[in-house]
């Protein structure tokens, strides 16, 4: 994972999928591609299992997050999510103050 030294921000999007699949995968992939083009975007991690999804996107600052939320194609996808793809979701915005990790060596 490539993120700068903290502080930076994380947007945690937790969702529960509906049974509607209409264009979901294509739109989700497009949103990942589009987010990566946004000024201030750093990285994304995402997982989905048994309808529950957790996507964490990392951003340089709050302004970058605000601009992403207001991006026209993203706004359209958000509306589709509310209307057909999700039965529930939660968005949490956090400031990353510190990070550390481990990586096994061969």
N, C-alpha and C. Protein backbone atom coordinates (compact mmCIF):
# COMPACT_ATOMS: atom_id res chain seq x y z
N UNK A 1 0.84 -1.18 0.00
CA UNK A 1 0.00 0.00 0.00
C UNK A 1 0.88 1.24 0.00
N UNK A 2 0.53 2.18 -0.82
CA UNK A 2 1.31 3.40 -0.93
C UNK A 2 0.52 4.58 -0.41
N UNK A 3 0.85 5.04 0.76
CA UNK A 3 0.28 6.27 1.31
C UNK A 3 1.45 7.08 1.87
N UNK A 4 1.26 8.39 1.95
CA UNK A 4 2.34 9.21 2.49
C UNK A 4 2.43 9.07 4.01
N UNK A 5 3.39 9.71 4.58
CA UNK A 5 3.47 9.77 6.03
C UNK A 5 2.23 10.51 6.54
N UNK A 6 1.62 10.02 7.62
CA UNK A 6 0.46 10.72 8.19
C UNK A 6 0.86 12.12 8.65
N UNK A 7 -0.08 13.01 8.74
CA UNK A 7 -1.52 12.77 8.66
C UNK A 7 -2.05 12.81 7.23
N UNK A 8 -3.10 12.04 6.99
CA UNK A 8 -3.92 12.08 5.78
C UNK A 8 -5.30 11.58 6.20
N UNK A 9 -6.20 11.46 5.28
CA UNK A 9 -7.59 11.12 5.63
C UNK A 9 -8.02 9.81 4.99
N UNK A 10 -8.94 9.13 5.67
CA UNK A 10 -9.53 7.90 5.16
C UNK A 10 -11.05 8.06 5.14
N UNK A 11 -11.66 7.66 4.05
CA UNK A 11 -13.11 7.60 3.94
C UNK A 11 -13.48 6.12 3.95
N UNK A 12 -14.23 5.71 4.96
CA UNK A 12 -14.64 4.32 5.11
C UNK A 12 -16.10 4.21 4.69
N UNK A 13 -16.32 3.47 3.59
CA UNK A 13 -17.67 3.28 3.06
C UNK A 13 -18.06 1.83 3.30
N UNK A 14 -19.01 1.62 4.22
CA UNK A 14 -19.50 0.28 4.55
C UNK A 14 -20.91 0.16 3.98
N UNK A 15 -21.15 -0.91 3.21
CA UNK A 15 -22.44 -1.03 2.54
C UNK A 15 -22.98 -2.45 2.59
N UNK A 16 -24.29 -2.52 2.52
CA UNK A 16 -25.00 -3.79 2.40
C UNK A 16 -25.70 -3.77 1.05
N UNK A 17 -25.39 -4.75 0.18
CA UNK A 17 -25.93 -4.79 -1.17
C UNK A 17 -27.37 -5.29 -1.18
N UNK A 18 -28.11 -4.78 -2.15
CA UNK A 18 -29.44 -5.31 -2.46
C UNK A 18 -29.26 -6.48 -3.42
N UNK A 19 -30.34 -7.01 -3.93
CA UNK A 19 -30.26 -8.11 -4.90
C UNK A 19 -30.15 -7.60 -6.34
N UNK A 20 -30.21 -6.29 -6.55
CA UNK A 20 -30.14 -5.70 -7.89
C UNK A 20 -28.68 -5.61 -8.33
N UNK A 21 -28.39 -6.22 -9.50
CA UNK A 21 -27.02 -6.22 -10.02
C UNK A 21 -26.84 -5.28 -11.22
N UNK A 22 -27.90 -4.73 -11.74
CA UNK A 22 -27.91 -3.92 -12.95
C UNK A 22 -26.77 -2.89 -12.98
N UNK A 23 -25.73 -3.18 -13.76
CA UNK A 23 -24.59 -2.30 -14.00
C UNK A 23 -23.75 -2.00 -12.75
N UNK A 24 -23.96 -2.75 -11.67
CA UNK A 24 -23.22 -2.45 -10.43
C UNK A 24 -21.71 -2.64 -10.59
N UNK A 25 -21.29 -3.79 -11.09
CA UNK A 25 -19.85 -4.08 -11.19
C UNK A 25 -19.14 -3.07 -12.09
N UNK A 26 -19.76 -2.74 -13.22
CA UNK A 26 -19.16 -1.77 -14.14
C UNK A 26 -19.04 -0.40 -13.48
N UNK A 27 -20.06 0.00 -12.77
CA UNK A 27 -20.04 1.31 -12.10
C UNK A 27 -19.03 1.33 -10.98
N UNK A 28 -18.96 0.26 -10.21
CA UNK A 28 -17.98 0.19 -9.11
C UNK A 28 -16.56 0.29 -9.66
N UNK A 29 -16.28 -0.42 -10.75
CA UNK A 29 -14.96 -0.35 -11.37
C UNK A 29 -14.67 1.05 -11.88
N UNK A 30 -15.66 1.67 -12.51
CA UNK A 30 -15.50 3.03 -13.03
C UNK A 30 -15.22 4.01 -11.89
N UNK A 31 -15.88 3.85 -10.75
CA UNK A 31 -15.66 4.75 -9.62
C UNK A 31 -14.23 4.61 -9.10
N UNK A 32 -13.70 3.39 -9.06
CA UNK A 32 -12.30 3.20 -8.64
C UNK A 32 -11.35 3.90 -9.61
N UNK A 33 -11.60 3.75 -10.89
CA UNK A 33 -10.76 4.39 -11.90
C UNK A 33 -10.85 5.91 -11.80
N UNK A 34 -12.07 6.41 -11.66
CA UNK A 34 -12.30 7.85 -11.60
C UNK A 34 -11.70 8.46 -10.33
N UNK A 35 -11.86 7.78 -9.20
CA UNK A 35 -11.29 8.29 -7.95
C UNK A 35 -9.78 8.43 -8.07
N UNK A 36 -9.15 7.45 -8.71
CA UNK A 36 -7.69 7.46 -8.85
C UNK A 36 -7.20 8.66 -9.66
N UNK A 37 -8.08 9.26 -10.46
CA UNK A 37 -7.71 10.43 -11.26
C UNK A 37 -7.89 11.75 -10.52
N UNK A 38 -8.52 11.70 -9.36
CA UNK A 38 -8.83 12.92 -8.61
C UNK A 38 -7.60 13.46 -7.89
N UNK A 39 -7.46 14.77 -7.91
CA UNK A 39 -6.40 15.42 -7.16
C UNK A 39 -6.57 15.11 -5.68
N UNK A 40 -5.53 14.67 -5.03
CA UNK A 40 -5.57 14.36 -3.61
C UNK A 40 -5.83 12.91 -3.29
N UNK A 41 -6.19 12.09 -4.30
CA UNK A 41 -6.41 10.67 -4.07
C UNK A 41 -5.06 10.00 -3.80
N UNK A 42 -5.04 9.08 -2.81
CA UNK A 42 -3.80 8.39 -2.45
C UNK A 42 -3.85 6.89 -2.73
N UNK A 43 -4.96 6.24 -2.35
CA UNK A 43 -5.03 4.77 -2.47
C UNK A 43 -6.44 4.33 -2.12
N UNK A 44 -6.76 3.08 -2.43
CA UNK A 44 -8.04 2.50 -2.04
C UNK A 44 -7.85 1.02 -1.71
N UNK A 45 -8.57 0.55 -0.70
CA UNK A 45 -8.66 -0.86 -0.34
C UNK A 45 -10.14 -1.20 -0.33
N UNK A 46 -10.51 -2.36 -0.87
CA UNK A 46 -11.92 -2.71 -0.92
C UNK A 46 -12.10 -4.22 -0.83
N UNK A 47 -13.17 -4.63 -0.13
CA UNK A 47 -13.51 -6.04 0.00
C UNK A 47 -15.03 -6.17 0.08
N UNK A 48 -15.56 -7.24 -0.51
CA UNK A 48 -17.00 -7.52 -0.41
C UNK A 48 -17.17 -9.01 -0.21
N UNK A 49 -18.00 -9.37 0.78
CA UNK A 49 -18.28 -10.77 1.06
C UNK A 49 -19.70 -10.89 1.58
N UNK A 50 -20.47 -11.78 0.97
CA UNK A 50 -21.84 -12.06 1.38
C UNK A 50 -22.68 -10.79 1.50
N UNK A 51 -22.53 -9.89 0.53
CA UNK A 51 -23.33 -8.68 0.49
C UNK A 51 -22.78 -7.51 1.26
N UNK A 52 -21.88 -7.76 2.21
CA UNK A 52 -21.29 -6.68 2.99
C UNK A 52 -20.02 -6.19 2.30
N UNK A 53 -19.93 -4.89 2.08
CA UNK A 53 -18.75 -4.32 1.45
C UNK A 53 -18.11 -3.27 2.32
N UNK A 54 -16.78 -3.24 2.29
CA UNK A 54 -16.04 -2.20 3.00
C UNK A 54 -14.99 -1.66 2.03
N UNK A 55 -15.09 -0.38 1.73
CA UNK A 55 -14.12 0.29 0.87
C UNK A 55 -13.53 1.45 1.66
N UNK A 56 -12.21 1.48 1.71
CA UNK A 56 -11.51 2.56 2.40
C UNK A 56 -10.68 3.28 1.35
N UNK A 57 -11.01 4.55 1.13
CA UNK A 57 -10.20 5.36 0.23
C UNK A 57 -9.41 6.35 1.07
N UNK A 58 -8.21 6.65 0.60
CA UNK A 58 -7.28 7.50 1.33
C UNK A 58 -7.05 8.78 0.54
N UNK A 59 -7.06 9.91 1.24
CA UNK A 59 -7.01 11.23 0.61
C UNK A 59 -6.04 12.15 1.32
N UNK A 60 -5.49 13.06 0.58
CA UNK A 60 -4.52 14.03 1.11
C UNK A 60 -5.15 14.96 2.15
N UNK A 61 -6.39 15.42 1.87
CA UNK A 61 -7.01 16.42 2.74
C UNK A 61 -8.53 16.39 2.59
N UNK A 62 -9.20 17.15 3.45
CA UNK A 62 -10.66 17.19 3.43
C UNK A 62 -11.20 17.82 2.16
N UNK A 63 -10.50 18.78 1.61
CA UNK A 63 -10.94 19.41 0.36
C UNK A 63 -11.00 18.39 -0.78
N UNK A 64 -10.01 17.51 -0.84
CA UNK A 64 -10.01 16.46 -1.87
C UNK A 64 -11.21 15.54 -1.72
N UNK A 65 -11.56 15.20 -0.49
CA UNK A 65 -12.73 14.35 -0.23
C UNK A 65 -14.00 15.07 -0.67
N UNK A 66 -14.11 16.33 -0.32
CA UNK A 66 -15.28 17.13 -0.71
C UNK A 66 -15.41 17.19 -2.23
N UNK A 67 -14.31 17.43 -2.92
CA UNK A 67 -14.34 17.51 -4.38
C UNK A 67 -14.76 16.19 -5.00
N UNK A 68 -14.29 15.08 -4.44
CA UNK A 68 -14.68 13.76 -4.94
C UNK A 68 -16.18 13.54 -4.75
N UNK A 69 -16.70 13.89 -3.59
CA UNK A 69 -18.13 13.72 -3.33
C UNK A 69 -18.97 14.52 -4.33
N UNK A 70 -18.46 15.66 -4.78
CA UNK A 70 -19.20 16.54 -5.68
C UNK A 70 -18.96 16.23 -7.17
N UNK A 71 -18.09 15.28 -7.48
CA UNK A 71 -17.79 14.95 -8.87
C UNK A 71 -19.06 14.41 -9.53
N UNK A 72 -19.40 14.90 -10.72
CA UNK A 72 -20.70 14.63 -11.35
C UNK A 72 -20.99 13.14 -11.55
N UNK A 73 -20.06 12.40 -12.09
CA UNK A 73 -20.29 10.97 -12.34
C UNK A 73 -20.41 10.20 -11.03
N UNK A 74 -19.64 10.62 -10.03
CA UNK A 74 -19.74 10.00 -8.70
C UNK A 74 -21.10 10.31 -8.07
N UNK A 75 -21.59 11.52 -8.24
CA UNK A 75 -22.91 11.88 -7.70
C UNK A 75 -24.01 11.01 -8.32
N UNK A 76 -23.90 10.75 -9.62
CA UNK A 76 -24.87 9.89 -10.29
C UNK A 76 -24.82 8.47 -9.73
N UNK A 77 -23.62 7.95 -9.51
CA UNK A 77 -23.45 6.61 -8.93
C UNK A 77 -24.01 6.56 -7.51
N UNK A 78 -23.80 7.64 -6.74
CA UNK A 78 -24.35 7.69 -5.38
C UNK A 78 -25.88 7.58 -5.42
N UNK A 79 -26.50 8.27 -6.35
CA UNK A 79 -27.96 8.22 -6.47
C UNK A 79 -28.44 6.82 -6.86
N UNK A 80 -27.73 6.18 -7.79
CA UNK A 80 -28.08 4.81 -8.18
C UNK A 80 -27.93 3.86 -7.00
N UNK A 81 -26.90 4.08 -6.19
CA UNK A 81 -26.71 3.26 -5.00
C UNK A 81 -27.89 3.34 -4.06
N UNK A 82 -28.38 4.54 -3.84
CA UNK A 82 -29.54 4.73 -2.95
C UNK A 82 -30.80 4.11 -3.54
N UNK A 83 -30.95 4.22 -4.86
CA UNK A 83 -32.18 3.77 -5.50
C UNK A 83 -32.24 2.27 -5.74
N UNK A 84 -31.06 1.62 -5.98
CA UNK A 84 -31.15 0.21 -6.36
C UNK A 84 -30.07 -0.71 -5.80
N UNK A 85 -28.86 -0.28 -5.55
CA UNK A 85 -27.78 -1.22 -5.24
C UNK A 85 -27.58 -1.51 -3.76
N UNK A 86 -27.98 -0.61 -2.88
CA UNK A 86 -27.72 -0.78 -1.45
C UNK A 86 -29.02 -0.78 -0.66
N UNK A 87 -29.04 -1.63 0.37
CA UNK A 87 -30.15 -1.55 1.33
C UNK A 87 -29.75 -0.66 2.50
N UNK A 88 -28.46 -0.46 2.67
CA UNK A 88 -27.95 0.43 3.72
C UNK A 88 -26.48 0.73 3.44
N UNK A 89 -26.03 1.90 3.89
CA UNK A 89 -24.60 2.20 3.86
C UNK A 89 -24.27 3.24 4.92
N UNK A 90 -23.00 3.31 5.24
CA UNK A 90 -22.49 4.26 6.22
C UNK A 90 -21.17 4.81 5.69
N UNK A 91 -20.97 6.11 5.83
CA UNK A 91 -19.71 6.74 5.43
C UNK A 91 -19.08 7.35 6.68
N UNK A 92 -17.82 7.04 6.88
CA UNK A 92 -17.06 7.60 8.01
C UNK A 92 -15.81 8.26 7.46
N UNK A 93 -15.52 9.45 7.91
CA UNK A 93 -14.32 10.17 7.47
C UNK A 93 -13.42 10.34 8.68
N UNK A 94 -12.18 9.86 8.54
CA UNK A 94 -11.25 9.82 9.67
C UNK A 94 -9.92 10.45 9.29
N UNK A 95 -9.30 11.06 10.23
CA UNK A 95 -7.93 11.56 10.05
C UNK A 95 -6.97 10.50 10.55
N UNK A 96 -6.07 10.07 9.68
CA UNK A 96 -5.05 9.08 10.06
C UNK A 96 -3.89 9.83 10.69
N UNK A 97 -3.68 9.59 11.95
CA UNK A 97 -2.62 10.26 12.70
C UNK A 97 -1.33 9.46 12.72
N UNK A 98 -1.47 8.14 12.65
CA UNK A 98 -0.31 7.27 12.77
C UNK A 98 -0.61 5.98 12.03
N UNK A 99 0.43 5.34 11.49
CA UNK A 99 0.27 4.03 10.87
C UNK A 99 1.53 3.21 11.08
N UNK A 100 1.36 1.92 11.09
CA UNK A 100 2.49 1.01 11.14
C UNK A 100 2.04 -0.32 10.57
N UNK A 101 2.95 -1.20 10.26
CA UNK A 101 2.56 -2.46 9.66
C UNK A 101 3.68 -3.49 9.72
N UNK A 102 3.43 -4.59 9.04
CA UNK A 102 4.35 -5.72 9.00
C UNK A 102 4.25 -6.33 7.62
N UNK A 103 5.36 -6.78 7.09
CA UNK A 103 5.38 -7.51 5.83
C UNK A 103 6.39 -8.61 5.96
N UNK A 104 5.95 -9.87 5.78
CA UNK A 104 6.84 -11.01 5.89
C UNK A 104 7.89 -10.98 4.77
N UNK A 105 9.08 -11.40 5.11
CA UNK A 105 10.18 -11.49 4.13
C UNK A 105 10.32 -12.92 3.66
N UNK A 106 10.63 -13.11 2.38
CA UNK A 106 10.84 -14.47 1.84
C UNK A 106 12.08 -15.12 2.39
